[in-house]
Protein backbone atom coordinates (compact mmCIF):
# COMPACT_ATOMS: atom_id res chain seq x y z
CA MET A 1 0.49 -0.11 -0.36
CA LYS A 2 2.42 2.51 0.83
CA PHE A 3 4.37 2.05 -2.91
CA SER A 4 0.94 2.87 -4.27
CA THR A 5 0.15 6.12 -2.35
CA PHE A 6 3.39 7.04 -3.15
CA ILE A 7 2.97 6.56 -6.95
CA LEU A 8 -0.33 8.32 -6.77
CA ALA A 9 1.48 11.48 -4.50
CA LEU A 10 4.01 11.61 -7.19
CA LEU A 11 1.22 11.70 -10.04
CA SER A 12 -0.50 14.18 -7.93
CA LEU A 13 2.50 16.69 -7.76
CA SER A 14 3.48 16.14 -11.46
CA ILE A 15 -0.10 17.07 -12.20
CA ILE A 16 0.16 19.52 -10.08
CA ILE A 17 3.65 21.26 -11.31
CA SER A 18 2.15 20.78 -14.89
CA CYS A 19 -0.57 22.73 -14.72
CA SER A 20 1.50 25.74 -13.12
CA PRO A 21 2.51 28.06 -16.39
CA ASP A 22 5.64 28.51 -17.03
CA PRO A 23 5.84 32.41 -18.29
CA CYS A 24 9.10 31.40 -20.16
CA TYR A 25 7.77 27.85 -22.00
CA THR A 26 7.39 29.38 -25.26
CA LYS A 27 8.53 32.95 -26.76
CA GLU A 28 4.99 33.66 -27.39
CA GLN A 29 4.06 33.06 -23.67
CA PHE A 30 6.94 34.86 -22.28
CA LEU A 31 5.64 38.19 -24.74
CA ASP A 32 2.55 37.63 -23.73
CA THR A 33 3.48 37.62 -19.92
CA TYR A 34 5.93 40.61 -20.46
CA ASN A 35 3.16 42.69 -22.14
CA GLU A 36 1.03 41.85 -19.23
CA PHE A 37 3.30 42.48 -16.39
CA VAL A 38 4.31 46.14 -18.15
CA LYS A 39 0.01 46.73 -18.23
CA GLU A 40 -0.57 46.07 -14.54
CA VAL A 41 2.16 48.13 -13.42
CA GLU A 42 1.21 51.11 -16.06
CA ASN A 43 -2.35 50.65 -14.52
CA LYS A 44 -1.12 51.08 -10.84
CA LYS A 45 1.06 54.22 -12.14
CA GLU A 46 0.81 56.39 -8.80
CA ASP A 47 -0.84 53.73 -6.81
CA ILE A 48 2.42 51.56 -6.53
CA SER A 49 3.51 51.39 -2.86
CA ASP A 50 6.78 50.58 -1.77
CA GLU A 51 6.60 47.12 -1.19
CA GLU A 52 4.60 46.75 -4.86
CA GLN A 53 7.56 48.78 -6.36
CA LEU A 54 10.19 46.02 -4.98
CA ALA A 55 7.80 43.24 -6.25
CA TYR A 56 7.37 44.47 -9.69
CA GLU A 57 11.21 44.76 -9.64
CA LYS A 58 12.04 42.02 -8.59
CA ARG A 59 9.47 40.40 -11.32
CA PHE A 60 10.78 42.99 -14.67
CA GLU A 61 14.47 41.42 -13.50
CA SER A 62 13.21 37.72 -13.13
CA ILE A 63 11.24 38.37 -16.67
CA VAL A 64 14.54 39.53 -18.27
CA GLU A 65 17.23 37.51 -16.62
CA SER A 66 15.21 33.79 -17.20
CA CYS A 67 12.94 34.50 -20.17
CA TYR A 68 14.53 37.64 -22.30
CA LYS A 69 17.82 36.24 -22.04
CA LYS A 70 16.81 32.86 -23.00
CA TYR A 71 14.68 33.87 -26.22
CA ARG A 72 16.83 36.90 -27.34
CA SER A 73 18.79 35.19 -30.12
CA SER A 74 15.06 34.25 -31.47
CA LEU A 75 13.40 37.16 -30.89
CA THR A 76 13.04 39.79 -34.01
CA LEU A 77 14.44 43.23 -34.11
CA LYS A 78 10.58 44.33 -33.69
CA GLU A 79 9.85 41.71 -30.91
CA ARG A 80 13.13 43.31 -29.07
CA GLN A 81 12.32 46.85 -29.85
CA ASP A 82 8.90 46.40 -28.79
CA PHE A 83 10.10 44.65 -25.45
CA TRP A 84 12.46 47.64 -24.74
CA LYS A 85 9.74 50.15 -25.30
CA SER A 86 7.50 48.52 -23.03
CA ALA A 87 10.63 48.48 -20.39
CA VAL A 88 10.93 52.25 -20.84
CA LYS A 89 6.90 52.33 -20.57
CA TYR A 90 7.52 50.07 -17.15
CA TYR A 91 10.57 52.36 -15.88
CA ILE A 92 8.17 55.52 -16.26
CA ALA A 93 4.80 53.79 -14.75
CA LYS A 94 7.16 52.78 -11.72
CA GLU A 95 9.61 55.95 -11.62
CA GLY A 96 7.29 58.55 -13.23
CA GLU A 97 9.10 60.99 -15.32
CA ASP A 98 12.39 61.19 -13.55
CA LEU A 99 14.35 57.77 -15.27
CA THR A 100 17.52 58.98 -13.70
CA LEU A 101 17.30 57.05 -10.44
CA SER A 102 16.17 53.76 -12.12
CA ILE A 103 18.49 53.47 -14.99
CA SER A 104 21.66 54.52 -12.91
CA THR A 105 23.74 51.67 -13.54
CA LYS A 106 26.78 51.98 -11.18
CA ASP A 107 27.40 48.61 -8.81
CA ASP A 108 24.41 47.32 -10.65
CA PRO A 109 24.97 44.53 -13.34
CA PHE A 110 20.92 43.99 -14.16
CA GLN A 111 21.26 47.84 -14.89
CA GLU A 112 24.10 47.71 -16.63
CA TYR A 113 22.58 44.70 -18.70
CA VAL A 114 19.23 46.64 -19.44
CA LYS A 115 21.59 49.59 -20.67
CA GLU A 116 23.18 47.92 -23.22
CA GLU A 117 20.27 45.74 -24.26
CA ILE A 118 18.72 49.08 -25.16
CA LYS A 119 21.94 50.49 -26.90
CA ASP A 120 22.12 47.32 -28.92
CA VAL A 121 18.77 47.44 -29.89
CA ILE A 122 19.00 51.07 -31.11
CA LYS A 123 22.18 50.43 -32.90
CA ASP A 124 20.60 47.80 -34.23
CA SER A 125 17.73 49.48 -35.48
CA SER A 126 19.77 52.51 -37.22
CA THR A 127 21.64 49.51 -38.86
CA THR A 128 18.29 48.14 -40.32
CA ILE A 129 16.96 51.78 -41.40
CA LEU A 130 20.60 52.78 -43.03
CA GLY A 131 20.30 49.67 -44.67
CA LYS A 132 16.96 50.29 -46.00
CA LEU A 133 17.84 53.90 -47.36
CA GLU A 134 20.77 52.33 -48.79
CA ASN A 135 18.35 49.53 -50.98
CA MET A 136 15.90 52.28 -51.55
CA LEU A 137 18.41 55.05 -52.82
CA SER A 138 20.79 52.15 -54.71
CA ASP A 139 17.27 51.15 -56.59
CA SER A 140 15.94 54.49 -57.14
CA LEU A 141 19.35 56.94 -57.48
CA PRO A 142 20.01 55.70 -61.04
CA ASN A 143 16.41 56.90 -62.19
CA VAL A 144 17.10 60.31 -60.05
CA ILE A 145 20.44 60.48 -61.78
CA ASP A 146 18.87 60.11 -65.43
CA LYS A 147 15.88 62.60 -64.29
CA LEU A 148 18.17 65.26 -63.21
CA VAL A 149 20.06 64.69 -65.75
CA GLU A 150 17.55 65.00 -68.29
CA GLY A 151 16.22 68.60 -66.36
CA PHE A 152 20.26 70.50 -67.04
CA GLU A 153 19.61 69.21 -70.68
CA GLU A 154 16.59 70.73 -70.63
CA PHE A 155 17.82 73.84 -68.73
CA GLY A 156 20.52 73.98 -71.06
CA GLU A 157 18.51 73.61 -74.47
CA ASP A 158 16.31 76.47 -72.59
CA LEU A 159 19.38 79.14 -71.83
CA LYS A 160 20.50 78.68 -75.24
CA ASP A 161 17.29 79.27 -76.56
CA VAL A 162 17.05 82.23 -74.42
CA LEU A 163 20.58 83.29 -75.24
CA GLU A 164 20.14 82.95 -78.92
CA GLU A 165 16.73 85.09 -78.70
CA LYS A 166 18.73 88.06 -77.07
CA LYS A 167 21.51 88.09 -80.03
């Protein structure tokens, strides 16, 4: 009987564990959990007590450390941009407009990581924008130059006609 009770307890425990959602189980689940977290903090804004603020900070750090780092390499640039834009919303909701307190990185490896990730997203975004601009220009530039040359030729002809009329 003891063995069957043990097996039953083990099965019950495994069912309970499997039913508790892991916010990092999939990338989509992580992003959904994160977005819900940011909305929750935004809805509270000024009503956040010091105790709740600490709890939110721990949850945010946990989301970044456990989930973001896990899925960072599989996140698209757009997903990373959205994540860090939401992080800024979180910081504003948590601290108000004075972000200098919460993004100071002295002696705080987590805040340093956040700062560096935001810098990387900005750098990657600008590289992508410049690449798109370069592609647009390389596709359009020959046509633009042709039109410009045609315009100069027409201008030259018109100028020539005006000068000949004055003679």
